[in-house]
Amino acid sequence: MAEALPARRSGGNAPDPANPNDGANGPGNRPMHLGGIIGFNVYFLVLTLLLLYHLAVLWPRLTPGNTSQPVTTTQPTTSPSPSSTPPATEVTEAITFRDRATIYFFWAPGGLVVYNEARLLLIVMLAGALGALLHAIRSFYWYAGNRLLKWSWANQYLLLPLSGTILALIFYLVIRGGFFPRLPPCRTRARSASPRSRH
């Protein structure tokens, strides 16, 4: 009597029940169901909105309301002169670049005092997380669209923004420490003008 031949595997990535070391039989080898796909879509959407919101709030703004001191105008005393030309007016405008600012978040309505160094560091970290999240979203919709998405990829999609944050932090520390010295906390700018220069 002829011996029965073993069933042929349908593909190179199909699980092999006879081999316990086959990677296809490890944890997370099941396809991701509809509930998992919807859950990851919600996760990606909420995390993207949070990162964009915090980047927009932390982004520095140079407006006259919070970076400039009042303009001081000084008119020198001169004796009466038959000339009709008015005396020159000296205008000094002092612009101060503060080393800290109060930032208001939706979860901190009272405001948080953040120094510029920490503010720039947070922006870099959030940008790194956003870039890694973009890569995770592209990979997710590609595998989900081709019906190849499995639960074994869940850890990568959850932790990829964290790895992007760490890489951005390392890159910032290397570049900041080696190429850019720390700037002074403030500087001023002065200019002089006369009534003639306004016409």
C-alpha atoms as a PDB file:
ATOM      1  CA  MET A   1       0.000   0.000   0.000  1.00  0.00           C
ATOM      2  CA  ALA A   2       1.379   3.357  -1.020  1.00  0.00           C
ATOM      3  CA  GLU A   3       2.313   5.781   1.778  1.00  0.00           C
ATOM      4  CA  ALA A   4       0.361   9.049   1.808  1.00  0.00           C
ATOM      5  CA  LEU A   5       2.371  12.121   0.859  1.00  0.00           C
ATOM      6  CA  PRO A   6       2.354  15.177   3.190  1.00  0.00           C
ATOM      7  CA  ALA A   7       0.184  18.085   2.189  1.00  0.00           C
ATOM      8  CA  ARG A   8       1.937  20.685   0.123  1.00  0.00           C
ATOM      9  CA  ARG A   9       2.322  24.109   1.638  1.00  0.00           C
ATOM     10  CA  SER A  10       0.427  26.822  -0.164  1.00  0.00           C
ATOM     11  CA  GLY A  11       3.219  29.373   0.052  1.00  0.00           C
ATOM     12  CA  GLY A  12       6.654  30.119   1.422  1.00  0.00           C
ATOM     13  CA  ASN A  13       5.226  32.117   4.350  1.00  0.00           C
ATOM     14  CA  ALA A  14       2.535  29.607   5.327  1.00  0.00           C
ATOM     15  CA  PRO A  15       2.797  28.064   8.826  1.00  0.00           C
ATOM     16  CA  ASP A  16       4.380  24.663   9.160  1.00  0.00           C
ATOM     17  CA  PRO A  17       2.664  22.668  11.959  1.00  0.00           C
ATOM     18  CA  ALA A  18       5.501  20.139  12.045  1.00  0.00           C
ATOM     19  CA  ASN A  19       8.125  22.801  12.842  1.00  0.00           C
ATOM     20  CA  PRO A  20       7.608  24.429  16.271  1.00  0.00           C
ATOM     21  CA  ASN A  21      10.347  26.975  15.491  1.00  0.00           C
ATOM     22  CA  ASP A  22       8.512  28.315  12.477  1.00  0.00           C
ATOM     23  CA  GLY A  23       7.973  32.078  12.907  1.00  0.00           C
ATOM     24  CA  ALA A  24       4.470  31.831  11.480  1.00  0.00           C
ATOM     25  CA  ASN A  25       3.391  29.836  14.560  1.00  0.00           C
ATOM     26  CA  GLY A  26       4.628  32.440  17.064  1.00  0.00           C
ATOM     27  CA  PRO A  27       2.521  34.915  19.011  1.00  0.00           C
ATOM     28  CA  GLY A  28       0.560  37.396  16.947  1.00  0.00           C
ATOM     29  CA  ASN A  29       0.340  35.232  13.821  1.00  0.00           C
ATOM     30  CA  ARG A  30      -3.398  35.793  13.472  1.00  0.00           C
ATOM     31  CA  PRO A  31      -4.710  38.390  11.004  1.00  0.00           C
ATOM     32  CA  MET A  32      -5.937  41.610  12.567  1.00  0.00           C
ATOM     33  CA  HIS A  33      -9.720  41.768  12.649  1.00  0.00           C
ATOM     34  CA  LEU A  34     -11.928  44.747  11.889  1.00  0.00           C
ATOM     35  CA  GLY A  35     -12.079  45.929  15.497  1.00  0.00           C
ATOM     36  CA  GLY A  36      -8.285  46.089  15.730  1.00  0.00           C
ATOM     37  CA  ILE A  37      -8.037  48.018  12.463  1.00  0.00           C
ATOM     38  CA  ILE A  38     -10.628  50.551  13.643  1.00  0.00           C
ATOM     39  CA  GLY A  39      -8.846  50.863  16.987  1.00  0.00           C
ATOM     40  CA  PHE A  40      -5.516  51.622  15.331  1.00  0.00           C
ATOM     41  CA  ASN A  41      -7.170  54.159  13.026  1.00  0.00           C
ATOM     42  CA  VAL A  42      -8.547  55.974  16.079  1.00  0.00           C
ATOM     43  CA  TYR A  43      -5.121  55.792  17.737  1.00  0.00           C
ATOM     44  CA  PHE A  44      -3.379  57.272  14.691  1.00  0.00           C
ATOM     45  CA  LEU A  45      -5.976  60.033  14.320  1.00  0.00           C
ATOM     46  CA  VAL A  46      -5.928  61.098  17.988  1.00  0.00           C
ATOM     47  CA  LEU A  47      -2.128  60.982  18.239  1.00  0.00           C
ATOM     48  CA  THR A  48      -1.721  63.006  15.022  1.00  0.00           C
ATOM     49  CA  LEU A  49      -4.102  65.707  16.247  1.00  0.00           C
ATOM     50  CA  LEU A  50      -2.368  65.882  19.633  1.00  0.00           C
ATOM     51  CA  LEU A  51       1.086  66.201  18.082  1.00  0.00           C
ATOM     52  CA  LEU A  52      -0.047  68.900  15.638  1.00  0.00           C
ATOM     53  CA  TYR A  53      -1.809  70.808  18.419  1.00  0.00           C
ATOM     54  CA  HIS A  54       1.210  70.829  20.722  1.00  0.00           C
ATOM     55  CA  LEU A  55       3.525  71.806  17.872  1.00  0.00           C
ATOM     56  CA  ALA A  56       1.256  74.731  16.993  1.00  0.00           C
ATOM     57  CA  VAL A  57       1.090  75.888  20.632  1.00  0.00           C
ATOM     58  CA  LEU A  58       4.818  75.547  21.263  1.00  0.00           C
ATOM     59  CA  TRP A  59       5.871  77.204  18.008  1.00  0.00           C
ATOM     60  CA  PRO A  60       7.483  80.593  18.864  1.00  0.00           C
ATOM     61  CA  ARG A  61       5.717  83.755  17.811  1.00  0.00           C
ATOM     62  CA  LEU A  62       7.432  87.139  17.500  1.00  0.00           C
ATOM     63  CA  THR A  63       4.669  89.667  18.020  1.00  0.00           C
ATOM     64  CA  PRO A  64       4.955  93.248  19.330  1.00  0.00           C
ATOM     65  CA  GLY A  65       2.719  92.335  22.244  1.00  0.00           C
ATOM     66  CA  ASN A  66       5.113  89.938  23.915  1.00  0.00           C
ATOM     67  CA  THR A  67       8.566  90.704  22.492  1.00  0.00           C
ATOM     68  CA  SER A  68       8.870  94.496  22.398  1.00  0.00           C
ATOM     69  CA  GLN A  69       9.136  97.132  25.028  1.00  0.00           C
ATOM     70  CA  PRO A  70       7.303 100.464  24.580  1.00  0.00           C
ATOM     71  CA  VAL A  71       8.917 102.809  22.074  1.00  0.00           C
ATOM     72  CA  THR A  72      10.708 105.717  23.770  1.00  0.00           C
ATOM     73  CA  THR A  73      10.824 109.017  21.919  1.00  0.00           C
ATOM     74  CA  THR A  74      13.308 111.712  22.978  1.00  0.00           C
ATOM     75  CA  GLN A  75      13.223 115.261  21.609  1.00  0.00           C
ATOM     76  CA  PRO A  76      16.347 117.314  22.405  1.00  0.00           C
ATOM     77  CA  THR A  77      15.807 120.891  23.649  1.00  0.00           C
ATOM     78  CA  THR A  78      16.914 123.443  21.068  1.00  0.00           C
ATOM     79  CA  SER A  79      16.822 127.220  20.997  1.00  0.00           C
ATOM     80  CA  PRO A  80      14.394 128.970  18.670  1.00  0.00           C
ATOM     81  CA  SER A  81      15.726 129.195  15.155  1.00  0.00           C
ATOM     82  CA  PRO A  82      14.473 131.059  12.106  1.00  0.00           C
ATOM     83  CA  SER A  83      14.791 127.888  10.122  1.00  0.00           C
ATOM     84  CA  SER A  84      11.493 126.170   9.387  1.00  0.00           C
ATOM     85  CA  THR A  85      13.041 122.703   9.583  1.00  0.00           C
ATOM     86  CA  PRO A  86      11.791 120.914  12.723  1.00  0.00           C
ATOM     87  CA  PRO A  87      14.391 119.407  15.016  1.00  0.00           C
ATOM     88  CA  ALA A  88      15.347 115.813  14.471  1.00  0.00           C
ATOM     89  CA  THR A  89      13.542 113.270  16.608  1.00  0.00           C
ATOM     90  CA  GLU A  90      15.455 110.331  17.989  1.00  0.00           C
ATOM     91  CA  VAL A  91      13.436 107.157  18.214  1.00  0.00           C
ATOM     92  CA  THR A  92      14.825 104.243  20.149  1.00  0.00           C
ATOM     93  CA  GLU A  93      13.087 100.913  19.780  1.00  0.00           C
ATOM     94  CA  ALA A  94      14.223  98.187  22.148  1.00  0.00           C
ATOM     95  CA  ILE A  95      13.247  94.619  21.280  1.00  0.00           C
ATOM     96  CA  THR A  96      13.889  92.069  23.974  1.00  0.00           C
ATOM     97  CA  PHE A  97      14.004  88.360  23.195  1.00  0.00           C
ATOM     98  CA  ARG A  98      12.837  86.743  26.395  1.00  0.00           C
ATOM     99  CA  ASP A  99      14.358  83.482  27.573  1.00  0.00           C
ATOM    100  CA  ARG A 100      11.013  82.083  28.737  1.00  0.00           C
ATOM    101  CA  ALA A 101       7.326  82.347  27.981  1.00  0.00           C
ATOM    102  CA  THR A 102       3.981  81.276  29.416  1.00  0.00           C
ATOM    103  CA  ILE A 103       2.292  78.691  27.215  1.00  0.00           C
ATOM    104  CA  TYR A 104      -1.350  77.695  27.571  1.00  0.00           C
ATOM    105  CA  PHE A 105      -2.517  74.165  26.759  1.00  0.00           C
ATOM    106  CA  PHE A 106      -6.021  72.739  26.904  1.00  0.00           C
ATOM    107  CA  TRP A 107      -4.904  70.492  29.768  1.00  0.00           C
ATOM    108  CA  ALA A 108      -3.173  73.392  31.581  1.00  0.00           C
ATOM    109  CA  PRO A 109      -5.464  76.435  31.311  1.00  0.00           C
ATOM    110  CA  GLY A 110      -3.428  78.269  33.944  1.00  0.00           C
ATOM    111  CA  GLY A 111      -0.364  78.269  31.685  1.00  0.00           C
ATOM    112  CA  LEU A 112       3.098  76.767  31.990  1.00  0.00           C
ATOM    113  CA  VAL A 113       6.350  78.732  32.096  1.00  0.00           C
ATOM    114  CA  VAL A 114       8.685  77.148  29.534  1.00  0.00           C
ATOM    115  CA  TYR A 115      12.233  78.307  28.821  1.00  0.00           C
ATOM    116  CA  ASN A 116      13.332  78.671  25.205  1.00  0.00           C
ATOM    117  CA  GLU A 117      15.842  75.824  25.443  1.00  0.00           C
ATOM    118  CA  ALA A 118      13.189  73.441  26.747  1.00  0.00           C
ATOM    119  CA  ARG A 119      10.707  74.776  24.220  1.00  0.00           C
ATOM    120  CA  LEU A 120      12.990  74.034  21.294  1.00  0.00           C
ATOM    121  CA  LEU A 121      13.726  70.590  22.710  1.00  0.00           C
ATOM    122  CA  LEU A 122      10.006  69.803  22.959  1.00  0.00           C
ATOM    123  CA  ILE A 123       9.425  70.959  19.375  1.00  0.00           C
ATOM    124  CA  VAL A 124      12.189  68.666  18.117  1.00  0.00           C
ATOM    125  CA  MET A 125      10.808  65.696  20.051  1.00  0.00           C
ATOM    126  CA  LEU A 126       7.257  66.277  18.827  1.00  0.00           C
ATOM    127  CA  ALA A 127       8.465  66.632  15.238  1.00  0.00           C
ATOM    128  CA  GLY A 128      10.378  63.353  15.524  1.00  0.00           C
ATOM    129  CA  ALA A 129       7.294  61.584  16.859  1.00  0.00           C
ATOM    130  CA  LEU A 130       5.200  63.040  14.036  1.00  0.00           C
ATOM    131  CA  GLY A 131       7.651  61.827  11.390  1.00  0.00           C
ATOM    132  CA  ALA A 132       7.724  58.318  12.846  1.00  0.00           C
ATOM    133  CA  LEU A 133       3.932  58.347  13.063  1.00  0.00           C
ATOM    134  CA  LEU A 134       3.748  59.172   9.353  1.00  0.00           C
ATOM    135  CA  HIS A 135       5.853  56.086   8.587  1.00  0.00           C
ATOM    136  CA  ALA A 136       3.620  53.928  10.809  1.00  0.00           C
ATOM    137  CA  ILE A 137       0.455  55.187   9.097  1.00  0.00           C
ATOM    138  CA  ARG A 138       1.861  54.449   5.622  1.00  0.00           C
ATOM    139  CA  SER A 139       2.888  50.937   6.649  1.00  0.00           C
ATOM    140  CA  PHE A 140      -0.451  50.297   8.354  1.00  0.00           C
ATOM    141  CA  TYR A 141      -2.695  51.232   5.458  1.00  0.00           C
ATOM    142  CA  TRP A 142      -0.479  49.319   3.000  1.00  0.00           C
ATOM    143  CA  TYR A 143      -0.679  46.041   4.953  1.00  0.00           C
ATOM    144  CA  ALA A 144      -4.353  46.540   5.804  1.00  0.00           C
ATOM    145  CA  GLY A 145      -5.193  47.320   2.194  1.00  0.00           C
ATOM    146  CA  ASN A 146      -3.438  44.173   0.971  1.00  0.00           C
ATOM    147  CA  ARG A 147      -5.038  42.078   3.764  1.00  0.00           C
ATOM    148  CA  LEU A 148      -1.650  41.076   5.133  1.00  0.00           C
ATOM    149  CA  LEU A 149      -1.899  42.862   8.467  1.00  0.00           C
ATOM    150  CA  LYS A 150      -1.237  40.661  11.504  1.00  0.00           C
ATOM    151  CA  TRP A 151      -1.240  41.297  15.227  1.00  0.00           C
ATOM    152  CA  SER A 152       2.524  40.781  15.394  1.00  0.00           C
ATOM    153  CA  TRP A 153       2.954  44.289  13.918  1.00  0.00           C
ATOM    154  CA  ALA A 154       0.916  45.952  16.657  1.00  0.00           C
ATOM    155  CA  ASN A 155       3.911  46.624  18.902  1.00  0.00           C
ATOM    156  CA  GLN A 156       5.773  48.352  16.089  1.00  0.00           C
ATOM    157  CA  TYR A 157       2.848  50.661  15.310  1.00  0.00           C
ATOM    158  CA  LEU A 158       2.413  51.514  18.987  1.00  0.00           C
ATOM    159  CA  LEU A 159       6.102  52.141  19.739  1.00  0.00           C
ATOM    160  CA  LEU A 160       7.264  53.705  16.484  1.00  0.00           C
ATOM    161  CA  PRO A 161       6.377  57.293  17.571  1.00  0.00           C
ATOM    162  CA  LEU A 162       8.393  56.738  20.749  1.00  0.00           C
ATOM    163  CA  SER A 163      11.432  55.564  18.786  1.00  0.00           C
ATOM    164  CA  GLY A 164      11.119  58.604  16.526  1.00  0.00           C
ATOM    165  CA  THR A 165      11.076  60.859  19.575  1.00  0.00           C
ATOM    166  CA  ILE A 166      14.235  59.262  20.968  1.00  0.00           C
ATOM    167  CA  LEU A 167      16.076  59.486  17.633  1.00  0.00           C
ATOM    168  CA  ALA A 168      15.107  63.151  17.239  1.00  0.00           C
ATOM    169  CA  LEU A 169      16.319  63.857  20.783  1.00  0.00           C
ATOM    170  CA  ILE A 170      19.696  62.197  20.147  1.00  0.00           C
ATOM    171  CA  PHE A 171      20.106  64.059  16.848  1.00  0.00           C
ATOM    172  CA  TYR A 172      19.232  67.385  18.507  1.00  0.00           C
ATOM    173  CA  LEU A 173      21.677  66.868  21.367  1.00  0.00           C
ATOM    174  CA  VAL A 174      24.507  66.015  18.965  1.00  0.00           C
ATOM    175  CA  ILE A 175      23.839  68.974  16.662  1.00  0.00           C
ATOM    176  CA  ARG A 176      23.079  71.450  19.432  1.00  0.00           C
ATOM    177  CA  GLY A 177      26.057  70.524  21.534  1.00  0.00           C
ATOM    178  CA  GLY A 178      28.581  70.465  18.699  1.00  0.00           C
ATOM    179  CA  PHE A 179      27.632  73.272  16.332  1.00  0.00           C
ATOM    180  CA  PHE A 180      25.418  75.867  18.006  1.00  0.00           C
ATOM    181  CA  PRO A 181      26.595  77.667  21.154  1.00  0.00           C
ATOM    182  CA  ARG A 182      24.023  79.008  23.546  1.00  0.00           C
ATOM    183  CA  LEU A 183      22.784  82.494  22.610  1.00  0.00           C
ATOM    184  CA  PRO A 184      22.452  85.287  25.173  1.00  0.00           C
ATOM    185  CA  PRO A 185      18.950  85.579  26.624  1.00  0.00           C
ATOM    186  CA  CYS A 186      18.217  89.014  25.189  1.00  0.00           C
ATOM    187  CA  ARG A 187      19.450  91.628  22.815  1.00  0.00           C
ATOM    188  CA  THR A 188      18.412  95.150  21.869  1.00  0.00           C
ATOM    189  CA  ARG A 189      18.199  97.068  18.670  1.00  0.00           C
ATOM    190  CA  ALA A 190      18.248 100.847  18.383  1.00  0.00           C
ATOM    191  CA  ARG A 191      17.508 103.099  15.444  1.00  0.00           C
ATOM    192  CA  SER A 192      17.336 106.819  14.857  1.00  0.00           C
ATOM    193  CA  ALA A 193      14.834 108.572  12.644  1.00  0.00           C
ATOM    194  CA  SER A 194      13.848 112.112  11.763  1.00  0.00           C
ATOM    195  CA  PRO A 195      10.542 113.539  10.520  1.00  0.00           C
ATOM    196  CA  ARG A 196      12.053 113.778   7.005  1.00  0.00           C
ATOM    197  CA  SER A 197      12.639 110.019   6.779  1.00  0.00           C
ATOM    198  CA  ARG A 198       8.946 109.318   7.219  1.00  0.00           C
ATOM    199  CA  HIS A 199       7.964 111.039   3.959  1.00  0.00           C
END
